[in-house]
Amino acid sequence: MHQNKSRDRDLPGREVHPKDNPKLISKLIYSMYNLKLNIKDVLYWMDAIQSSNDKNKTLESLCEGQIASKVWLIEQLNEIIIKVNLNNMKKKTKKIPDNLNVLVCGGWYGVMATLLFNSNIKVNNVRSIDIDPGCKPIALTMNKHYKINGKFTAGTCNILDFKNYNDYDMIINTVCEHMAWDDYYKWLDKIPKDRLIILQSCNFKEYSTHISCVSSEEDFKKKCGVTNILYSGTLELPKYVGKFSDFKRYMVIGNKNG
């Protein structure tokens, strides 16, 4: 798999104009007021930044674009879980489990896990894996509150080599643009058909480690290999100074049961 161990996410050192994107502001307001972050988590985030060998990179994992895309994921996932379980209750078919065991592939510094634990989604435990060995200690510090309670673990692993996908109800991969398509499809083949899959990619081809970008939401839906799509959408992220002026993230939620 093409993954750079020292890869960055999105744009470091960017200048953002939030006023250009009211949708993003609403996501950030949701994050601040509806997620209601545990103060212990905020303090552990500060510990992680202070102990990091690359403080700027760790801070980047908490930037507006990163938080907005994760809050968007949580918003839509919560709605999908409610909708699917109501429909399945009526049909008396299998529901999405009440206490999810979650795997985050390419989990970076574990921010996705912290936000999940602070959401209305019922989560039993989260495991975050990343190919970069520098991610694990920071992710464990970021989620120390949940690590102590046995609800969070982190590991260093190429997601193509991970063996235990069957142990998880839901698999999240928000770094699809960092994977060569051949590797992506090999990874997707490892996911059991009935597991809930959440995928994100983007159209930002100018960034060197974004090797498999897509041009639109429809393009992502066609290429992602999820045959039973429960949700798809587009999030417009902040406009950047210079040539990076049209940055969009795309998301698909579903499974391979279709």
C-alpha atoms as a PDB file:
ATOM      1  CA  MET A   1       0.000   0.000   0.000  1.00  0.00           C
ATOM      2  CA  HIS A   2       1.228   3.446  -0.831  1.00  0.00           C
ATOM      3  CA  GLN A   3       1.294   5.163   2.545  1.00  0.00           C
ATOM      4  CA  ASN A   4       3.853   7.721   3.624  1.00  0.00           C
ATOM      5  CA  LYS A   5       4.776   7.146   7.268  1.00  0.00           C
ATOM      6  CA  SER A   6       5.288  10.853   7.792  1.00  0.00           C
ATOM      7  CA  ARG A   7       2.278  11.891   5.740  1.00  0.00           C
ATOM      8  CA  ASP A   8       0.319  15.010   6.603  1.00  0.00           C
ATOM      9  CA  ARG A   9      -3.425  15.390   6.234  1.00  0.00           C
ATOM     10  CA  ASP A  10      -4.890  18.060   3.994  1.00  0.00           C
ATOM     11  CA  LEU A  11      -2.931  21.339   4.049  1.00  0.00           C
ATOM     12  CA  PRO A  12      -0.428  22.338   6.727  1.00  0.00           C
ATOM     13  CA  GLY A  13       0.102  26.033   7.275  1.00  0.00           C
ATOM     14  CA  ARG A  14      -3.008  27.054   5.385  1.00  0.00           C
ATOM     15  CA  GLU A  15      -4.892  30.314   5.641  1.00  0.00           C
ATOM     16  CA  VAL A  16      -8.607  29.706   6.051  1.00  0.00           C
ATOM     17  CA  HIS A  17     -11.520  32.033   5.476  1.00  0.00           C
ATOM     18  CA  PRO A  18     -14.389  30.508   7.527  1.00  0.00           C
ATOM     19  CA  LYS A  19     -16.827  33.222   6.408  1.00  0.00           C
ATOM     20  CA  ASP A  20     -16.721  31.696   2.922  1.00  0.00           C
ATOM     21  CA  ASN A  21     -18.330  28.510   4.196  1.00  0.00           C
ATOM     22  CA  PRO A  22     -21.352  28.756   6.517  1.00  0.00           C
ATOM     23  CA  LYS A  23     -21.897  24.981   6.261  1.00  0.00           C
ATOM     24  CA  LEU A  24     -18.536  24.374   7.909  1.00  0.00           C
ATOM     25  CA  ILE A  25     -19.317  26.862  10.673  1.00  0.00           C
ATOM     26  CA  SER A  26     -22.538  24.995  11.456  1.00  0.00           C
ATOM     27  CA  LYS A  27     -20.551  21.755  11.737  1.00  0.00           C
ATOM     28  CA  LEU A  28     -18.112  23.358  14.130  1.00  0.00           C
ATOM     29  CA  ILE A  29     -20.960  24.798  16.218  1.00  0.00           C
ATOM     30  CA  TYR A  30     -22.418  21.281  16.351  1.00  0.00           C
ATOM     31  CA  SER A  31     -19.062  19.973  17.530  1.00  0.00           C
ATOM     32  CA  MET A  32     -18.773  22.579  20.265  1.00  0.00           C
ATOM     33  CA  TYR A  33     -22.310  22.469  21.633  1.00  0.00           C
ATOM     34  CA  ASN A  34     -23.859  19.101  20.768  1.00  0.00           C
ATOM     35  CA  LEU A  35     -20.884  16.788  21.187  1.00  0.00           C
ATOM     36  CA  LYS A  36     -20.133  18.371  24.587  1.00  0.00           C
ATOM     37  CA  LEU A  37     -16.535  17.212  24.815  1.00  0.00           C
ATOM     38  CA  ASN A  38     -15.543  15.782  28.175  1.00  0.00           C
ATOM     39  CA  ILE A  39     -13.119  18.213  29.829  1.00  0.00           C
ATOM     40  CA  LYS A  40     -10.833  15.253  30.583  1.00  0.00           C
ATOM     41  CA  ASP A  41     -10.523  14.640  26.855  1.00  0.00           C
ATOM     42  CA  VAL A  42      -9.569  18.269  26.198  1.00  0.00           C
ATOM     43  CA  LEU A  43      -6.876  18.043  28.888  1.00  0.00           C
ATOM     44  CA  TYR A  44      -5.536  14.784  27.419  1.00  0.00           C
ATOM     45  CA  TRP A  45      -5.466  16.409  23.961  1.00  0.00           C
ATOM     46  CA  MET A  46      -3.308  19.158  25.476  1.00  0.00           C
ATOM     47  CA  ASP A  47      -1.033  16.523  27.033  1.00  0.00           C
ATOM     48  CA  ALA A  48      -0.694  14.841  23.630  1.00  0.00           C
ATOM     49  CA  ILE A  49       0.292  18.111  21.958  1.00  0.00           C
ATOM     50  CA  GLN A  50       2.826  18.955  24.657  1.00  0.00           C
ATOM     51  CA  SER A  51       4.456  15.510  24.523  1.00  0.00           C
ATOM     52  CA  SER A  52       4.507  15.291  20.711  1.00  0.00           C
ATOM     53  CA  ASN A  53       7.783  15.423  18.791  1.00  0.00           C
ATOM     54  CA  ASP A  54       5.953  17.363  16.070  1.00  0.00           C
ATOM     55  CA  LYS A  55       3.558  19.722  17.811  1.00  0.00           C
ATOM     56  CA  ASN A  56       2.445  21.442  14.607  1.00  0.00           C
ATOM     57  CA  LYS A  57       1.474  18.155  13.024  1.00  0.00           C
ATOM     58  CA  THR A  58      -0.425  17.082  16.139  1.00  0.00           C
ATOM     59  CA  LEU A  59      -2.225  20.430  16.208  1.00  0.00           C
ATOM     60  CA  GLU A  60      -3.121  19.934  12.543  1.00  0.00           C
ATOM     61  CA  SER A  61      -5.155  16.865  13.502  1.00  0.00           C
ATOM     62  CA  LEU A  62      -7.387  19.248  15.481  1.00  0.00           C
ATOM     63  CA  CYS A  63      -7.786  21.891  12.777  1.00  0.00           C
ATOM     64  CA  GLU A  64     -11.145  23.074  11.451  1.00  0.00           C
ATOM     65  CA  GLY A  65     -11.211  20.865   8.370  1.00  0.00           C
ATOM     66  CA  GLN A  66     -10.256  17.734  10.286  1.00  0.00           C
ATOM     67  CA  ILE A  67     -12.862  18.293  13.006  1.00  0.00           C
ATOM     68  CA  ALA A  68     -15.574  19.315  10.545  1.00  0.00           C
ATOM     69  CA  SER A  69     -15.208  16.153   8.440  1.00  0.00           C
ATOM     70  CA  LYS A  70     -15.362  13.952  11.538  1.00  0.00           C
ATOM     71  CA  VAL A  71     -18.356  15.755  13.019  1.00  0.00           C
ATOM     72  CA  TRP A  72     -20.094  15.391   9.656  1.00  0.00           C
ATOM     73  CA  LEU A  73     -19.386  11.653   9.769  1.00  0.00           C
ATOM     74  CA  ILE A  74     -20.862  11.371  13.271  1.00  0.00           C
ATOM     75  CA  GLU A  75     -23.960  13.406  12.375  1.00  0.00           C
ATOM     76  CA  GLN A  76     -24.795  11.261   9.358  1.00  0.00           C
ATOM     77  CA  LEU A  77     -23.874   7.987  11.042  1.00  0.00           C
ATOM     78  CA  ASN A  78     -26.181   8.721  13.962  1.00  0.00           C
ATOM     79  CA  GLU A  79     -29.074   9.376  11.575  1.00  0.00           C
ATOM     80  CA  ILE A  80     -28.345   6.207   9.593  1.00  0.00           C
ATOM     81  CA  ILE A  81     -28.246   4.026  12.729  1.00  0.00           C
ATOM     82  CA  ILE A  82     -31.614   5.386  13.898  1.00  0.00           C
ATOM     83  CA  LYS A  83     -33.196   4.976  10.454  1.00  0.00           C
ATOM     84  CA  VAL A  84     -31.834   1.481   9.781  1.00  0.00           C
ATOM     85  CA  ASN A  85     -32.763   0.164  13.229  1.00  0.00           C
ATOM     86  CA  LEU A  86     -36.314   1.528  12.990  1.00  0.00           C
ATOM     87  CA  ASN A  87     -36.773  -0.109   9.583  1.00  0.00           C
ATOM     88  CA  ASN A  88     -35.241  -3.375  10.730  1.00  0.00           C
ATOM     89  CA  MET A  89     -37.388  -3.397  13.864  1.00  0.00           C
ATOM     90  CA  LYS A  90     -40.491  -3.201  11.685  1.00  0.00           C
ATOM     91  CA  LYS A  91     -39.195  -5.962   9.417  1.00  0.00           C
ATOM     92  CA  LYS A  92     -37.869  -7.983  12.393  1.00  0.00           C
ATOM     93  CA  THR A  93     -34.463  -8.221  10.741  1.00  0.00           C
ATOM     94  CA  LYS A  94     -30.977  -7.765  12.196  1.00  0.00           C
ATOM     95  CA  LYS A  95     -30.305  -4.329  13.705  1.00  0.00           C
ATOM     96  CA  ILE A  96     -27.055  -2.403  13.899  1.00  0.00           C
ATOM     97  CA  PRO A  97     -25.686  -3.358  17.361  1.00  0.00           C
ATOM     98  CA  ASP A  98     -26.462  -0.995  20.253  1.00  0.00           C
ATOM     99  CA  ASN A  99     -22.881  -1.005  21.528  1.00  0.00           C
ATOM    100  CA  LEU A 100     -20.603  -0.872  18.529  1.00  0.00           C
ATOM    101  CA  ASN A 101     -17.121  -2.317  18.296  1.00  0.00           C
ATOM    102  CA  VAL A 102     -15.386   0.118  15.947  1.00  0.00           C
ATOM    103  CA  LEU A 103     -12.187  -0.106  13.913  1.00  0.00           C
ATOM    104  CA  VAL A 104     -10.667   3.114  12.545  1.00  0.00           C
ATOM    105  CA  CYS A 105      -8.257   2.429   9.681  1.00  0.00           C
ATOM    106  CA  GLY A 106      -5.640   5.109   9.140  1.00  0.00           C
ATOM    107  CA  GLY A 107      -6.744   6.551  12.472  1.00  0.00           C
ATOM    108  CA  TRP A 108      -3.794   8.967  12.744  1.00  0.00           C
ATOM    109  CA  TYR A 109      -3.768  10.516  16.252  1.00  0.00           C
ATOM    110  CA  GLY A 110      -7.085   9.080  17.439  1.00  0.00           C
ATOM    111  CA  VAL A 111      -9.266  12.178  17.227  1.00  0.00           C
ATOM    112  CA  MET A 112     -12.020  10.214  15.459  1.00  0.00           C
ATOM    113  CA  ALA A 113     -12.217   7.879  18.438  1.00  0.00           C
ATOM    114  CA  THR A 114     -12.492  10.707  20.970  1.00  0.00           C
ATOM    115  CA  LEU A 115     -15.318  12.343  19.040  1.00  0.00           C
ATOM    116  CA  LEU A 116     -17.176   9.034  18.742  1.00  0.00           C
ATOM    117  CA  PHE A 117     -16.955   8.500  22.491  1.00  0.00           C
ATOM    118  CA  ASN A 118     -18.386  11.994  23.017  1.00  0.00           C
ATOM    119  CA  SER A 119     -21.283  11.504  20.590  1.00  0.00           C
ATOM    120  CA  ASN A 120     -24.777  10.059  21.003  1.00  0.00           C
ATOM    121  CA  ILE A 121     -23.660   6.895  19.212  1.00  0.00           C
ATOM    122  CA  LYS A 122     -23.356   3.972  21.612  1.00  0.00           C
ATOM    123  CA  VAL A 123     -19.791   2.705  21.330  1.00  0.00           C
ATOM    124  CA  ASN A 124     -18.436  -0.298  23.206  1.00  0.00           C
ATOM    125  CA  ASN A 125     -14.814   0.090  22.134  1.00  0.00           C
ATOM    126  CA  VAL A 126     -12.648   1.624  19.429  1.00  0.00           C
ATOM    127  CA  ARG A 127      -9.382   0.388  17.963  1.00  0.00           C
ATOM    128  CA  SER A 128      -7.367   2.861  15.898  1.00  0.00           C
ATOM    129  CA  ILE A 129      -4.643   1.570  13.562  1.00  0.00           C
ATOM    130  CA  ASP A 130      -2.148   3.504  11.452  1.00  0.00           C
ATOM    131  CA  ILE A 131       0.960   2.580   9.491  1.00  0.00           C
ATOM    132  CA  ASP A 132       2.915   5.443  11.108  1.00  0.00           C
ATOM    133  CA  PRO A 133       4.491   4.203  14.390  1.00  0.00           C
ATOM    134  CA  GLY A 134       4.503   7.760  15.716  1.00  0.00           C
ATOM    135  CA  CYS A 135       0.709   7.792  15.821  1.00  0.00           C
ATOM    136  CA  LYS A 136       0.163   5.130  18.476  1.00  0.00           C
ATOM    137  CA  PRO A 137       1.600   6.926  21.553  1.00  0.00           C
ATOM    138  CA  ILE A 138      -0.199  10.163  20.692  1.00  0.00           C
ATOM    139  CA  ALA A 139      -3.506   8.355  20.050  1.00  0.00           C
ATOM    140  CA  LEU A 140      -3.196   6.574  23.391  1.00  0.00           C
ATOM    141  CA  THR A 141      -2.623   9.910  25.156  1.00  0.00           C
ATOM    142  CA  MET A 142      -5.462  11.609  23.276  1.00  0.00           C
ATOM    143  CA  ASN A 143      -7.800   8.818  24.430  1.00  0.00           C
ATOM    144  CA  LYS A 144      -6.237   8.087  27.810  1.00  0.00           C
ATOM    145  CA  HIS A 145      -9.584   8.327  29.603  1.00  0.00           C
ATOM    146  CA  TYR A 146     -10.951   5.494  27.417  1.00  0.00           C
ATOM    147  CA  LYS A 147      -7.721   3.506  27.414  1.00  0.00           C
ATOM    148  CA  ILE A 148      -7.857   3.395  31.233  1.00  0.00           C
ATOM    149  CA  ASN A 149     -11.435   2.112  31.048  1.00  0.00           C
ATOM    150  CA  GLY A 150     -10.529  -0.571  28.503  1.00  0.00           C
ATOM    151  CA  LYS A 151     -12.531   1.057  25.705  1.00  0.00           C
ATOM    152  CA  PHE A 152      -9.712   2.272  23.434  1.00  0.00           C
ATOM    153  CA  THR A 153      -6.644   0.647  21.915  1.00  0.00           C
ATOM    154  CA  ALA A 154      -4.215   1.772  19.219  1.00  0.00           C
ATOM    155  CA  GLY A 155      -1.804  -0.159  17.028  1.00  0.00           C
ATOM    156  CA  THR A 156       0.795   0.243  14.293  1.00  0.00           C
ATOM    157  CA  CYS A 157      -0.309  -1.727  11.271  1.00  0.00           C
ATOM    158  CA  ASN A 158      -0.640  -1.676   7.503  1.00  0.00           C
ATOM    159  CA  ILE A 159      -4.388  -2.097   7.085  1.00  0.00           C
ATOM    160  CA  LEU A 160      -3.774  -4.702   4.368  1.00  0.00           C
ATOM    161  CA  ASP A 161      -2.053  -6.860   6.982  1.00  0.00           C
ATOM    162  CA  PHE A 162      -4.714  -6.509   9.676  1.00  0.00           C
ATOM    163  CA  LYS A 163      -6.294  -9.898  10.421  1.00  0.00           C
ATOM    164  CA  ASN A 164      -9.279  -9.260  12.693  1.00  0.00           C
ATOM    165  CA  TYR A 165     -11.889  -7.365  10.686  1.00  0.00           C
ATOM    166  CA  ASN A 166     -14.502  -9.907  11.778  1.00  0.00           C
ATOM    167  CA  ASP A 167     -14.209  -8.606  15.342  1.00  0.00           C
ATOM    168  CA  TYR A 168     -15.756  -5.236  14.481  1.00  0.00           C
ATOM    169  CA  ASP A 169     -19.300  -4.089  13.736  1.00  0.00           C
ATOM    170  CA  MET A 170     -18.181  -0.931  11.979  1.00  0.00           C
ATOM    171  CA  ILE A 171     -15.062  -0.060   9.992  1.00  0.00           C
ATOM    172  CA  ILE A 172     -14.090   3.570   9.287  1.00  0.00           C
ATOM    173  CA  ASN A 173     -11.618   4.607   6.593  1.00  0.00           C
ATOM    174  CA  THR A 174     -11.369   8.363   6.048  1.00  0.00           C
ATOM    175  CA  VAL A 175      -8.013   8.198   4.228  1.00  0.00           C
ATOM    176  CA  CYS A 176      -9.074   6.547   0.966  1.00  0.00           C
ATOM    177  CA  GLU A 177      -7.269   9.215  -1.060  1.00  0.00           C
ATOM    178  CA  HIS A 178      -3.979   8.044   0.484  1.00  0.00           C
ATOM    179  CA  MET A 179      -4.387   4.505  -0.909  1.00  0.00           C
ATOM    180  CA  ALA A 180      -3.608   3.233  -4.404  1.00  0.00           C
ATOM    181  CA  TRP A 181      -6.830   1.860  -5.890  1.00  0.00           C
ATOM    182  CA  ASP A 182      -5.421  -1.681  -6.184  1.00  0.00           C
ATOM    183  CA  ASP A 183      -4.590  -1.624  -2.483  1.00  0.00           C
ATOM    184  CA  TYR A 184      -7.945  -0.109  -1.617  1.00  0.00           C
ATOM    185  CA  TYR A 185      -9.837  -2.940  -3.324  1.00  0.00           C
ATOM    186  CA  LYS A 186      -7.618  -5.539  -1.639  1.00  0.00           C
ATOM    187  CA  TRP A 187      -8.477  -3.902   1.679  1.00  0.00           C
ATOM    188  CA  LEU A 188     -12.202  -3.778   0.873  1.00  0.00           C
ATOM    189  CA  ASP A 189     -12.180  -7.518   0.060  1.00  0.00           C
ATOM    190  CA  LYS A 190     -11.146  -8.181   3.667  1.00  0.00           C
ATOM    191  CA  ILE A 191     -14.264  -6.508   5.107  1.00  0.00           C
ATOM    192  CA  PRO A 192     -17.174  -8.885   5.862  1.00  0.00           C
ATOM    193  CA  LYS A 193     -20.222  -8.170   3.697  1.00  0.00           C
ATOM    194  CA  ASP A 194     -22.591  -7.283   6.524  1.00  0.00           C
ATOM    195  CA  ARG A 195     -20.312  -4.826   8.341  1.00  0.00           C
ATOM    196  CA  LEU A 196     -21.103  -1.130   8.328  1.00  0.00           C
ATOM    197  CA  ILE A 197     -18.417   0.727   6.344  1.00  0.00           C
ATOM    198  CA  ILE A 198     -17.799   4.476   6.480  1.00  0.00           C
ATOM    199  CA  LEU A 199     -15.518   5.893   3.789  1.00  0.00           C
ATOM    200  CA  GLN A 200     -14.223   9.367   3.009  1.00  0.00           C
ATOM    201  CA  SER A 201     -12.131  10.718   0.144  1.00  0.00           C
ATOM    202  CA  CYS A 202     -11.594  14.106  -1.490  1.00  0.00           C
ATOM    203  CA  ASN A 203     -10.933  15.965  -4.739  1.00  0.00           C
ATOM    204  CA  PHE A 204      -7.680  17.587  -3.608  1.00  0.00           C
ATOM    205  CA  LYS A 205      -5.274  16.124  -6.173  1.00  0.00           C
ATOM    206  CA  GLU A 206      -2.579  18.765  -5.697  1.00  0.00           C
ATOM    207  CA  TYR A 207      -1.421  17.271  -2.414  1.00  0.00           C
ATOM    208  CA  SER A 208       1.427  14.800  -3.003  1.00  0.00           C
ATOM    209  CA  THR A 209       0.175  11.952  -0.796  1.00  0.00           C
ATOM    210  CA  HIS A 210      -3.357  12.103  -2.227  1.00  0.00           C
ATOM    211  CA  ILE A 211      -2.791   9.466  -4.889  1.00  0.00           C
ATOM    212  CA  SER A 212      -6.371   8.262  -5.487  1.00  0.00           C
ATOM    213  CA  CYS A 213      -8.609  11.300  -5.344  1.00  0.00           C
ATOM    214  CA  VAL A 214     -12.083  11.351  -6.847  1.00  0.00           C
ATOM    215  CA  SER A 215     -13.697  14.135  -8.849  1.00  0.00           C
ATOM    216  CA  SER A 216     -17.167  14.113  -7.300  1.00  0.00           C
ATOM    217  CA  GLU A 217     -19.565  12.354  -4.948  1.00  0.00           C
ATOM    218  CA  GLU A 218     -20.900  10.277  -7.846  1.00  0.00           C
ATOM    219  CA  ASP A 219     -17.367   9.329  -8.857  1.00  0.00           C
ATOM    220  CA  PHE A 220     -16.671   8.123  -5.311  1.00  0.00           C
ATOM    221  CA  LYS A 221     -19.918   6.133  -5.172  1.00  0.00           C
ATOM    222  CA  LYS A 222     -19.006   4.353  -8.405  1.00  0.00           C
ATOM    223  CA  LYS A 223     -15.433   3.572  -7.372  1.00  0.00           C
ATOM    224  CA  CYS A 224     -15.748   2.776  -3.652  1.00  0.00           C
ATOM    225  CA  GLY A 225     -17.170  -0.747  -4.085  1.00  0.00           C
ATOM    226  CA  VAL A 226     -19.947  -0.344  -1.496  1.00  0.00           C
ATOM    227  CA  THR A 227     -22.955  -2.005  -3.100  1.00  0.00           C
ATOM    228  CA  ASN A 228     -25.592  -1.155  -0.474  1.00  0.00           C
ATOM    229  CA  ILE A 229     -25.221   2.598   0.016  1.00  0.00           C
ATOM    230  CA  LEU A 230     -27.169   3.980   2.992  1.00  0.00           C
ATOM    231  CA  TYR A 231     -25.798   7.519   2.692  1.00  0.00           C
ATOM    232  CA  SER A 232     -23.596   9.560   0.403  1.00  0.00           C
ATOM    233  CA  GLY A 233     -22.751  13.233   0.616  1.00  0.00           C
ATOM    234  CA  THR A 234     -20.352  16.104   0.001  1.00  0.00           C
ATOM    235  CA  LEU A 235     -18.812  18.492   2.518  1.00  0.00           C
ATOM    236  CA  GLU A 236     -17.399  21.764   1.212  1.00  0.00           C
ATOM    237  CA  LEU A 237     -14.340  22.637   3.261  1.00  0.00           C
ATOM    238  CA  PRO A 238     -12.800  26.103   3.723  1.00  0.00           C
ATOM    239  CA  LYS A 239     -11.411  27.893   0.715  1.00  0.00           C
ATOM    240  CA  TYR A 240      -7.664  28.316   0.734  1.00  0.00           C
ATOM    241  CA  VAL A 241      -5.469  31.133  -0.463  1.00  0.00           C
ATOM    242  CA  GLY A 242      -4.016  30.581  -3.917  1.00  0.00           C
ATOM    243  CA  LYS A 243      -4.771  27.569  -6.091  1.00  0.00           C
ATOM    244  CA  PHE A 244      -6.428  25.414  -3.405  1.00  0.00           C
ATOM    245  CA  SER A 245      -9.851  26.979  -3.772  1.00  0.00           C
ATOM    246  CA  ASP A 246     -12.301  24.124  -4.263  1.00  0.00           C
ATOM    247  CA  PHE A 247     -11.658  21.483  -1.603  1.00  0.00           C
ATOM    248  CA  LYS A 248     -14.481  18.970  -1.076  1.00  0.00           C
ATOM    249  CA  ARG A 249     -14.708  15.789   0.972  1.00  0.00           C
ATOM    250  CA  TYR A 250     -17.002  12.955  -0.033  1.00  0.00           C
ATOM    251  CA  MET A 251     -18.486  10.267   2.182  1.00  0.00           C
ATOM    252  CA  VAL A 252     -20.210   6.935   1.656  1.00  0.00           C
ATOM    253  CA  ILE A 253     -21.846   4.853   4.402  1.00  0.00           C
ATOM    254  CA  GLY A 254     -23.120   1.357   3.716  1.00  0.00           C
ATOM    255  CA  ASN A 255     -22.095  -2.276   3.330  1.00  0.00           C
ATOM    256  CA  LYS A 256     -21.457  -4.889   0.647  1.00  0.00           C
ATOM    257  CA  ASN A 257     -24.812  -6.668   1.024  1.00  0.00           C
ATOM    258  CA  GLY A 258     -26.339  -5.117  -2.089  1.00  0.00           C
END
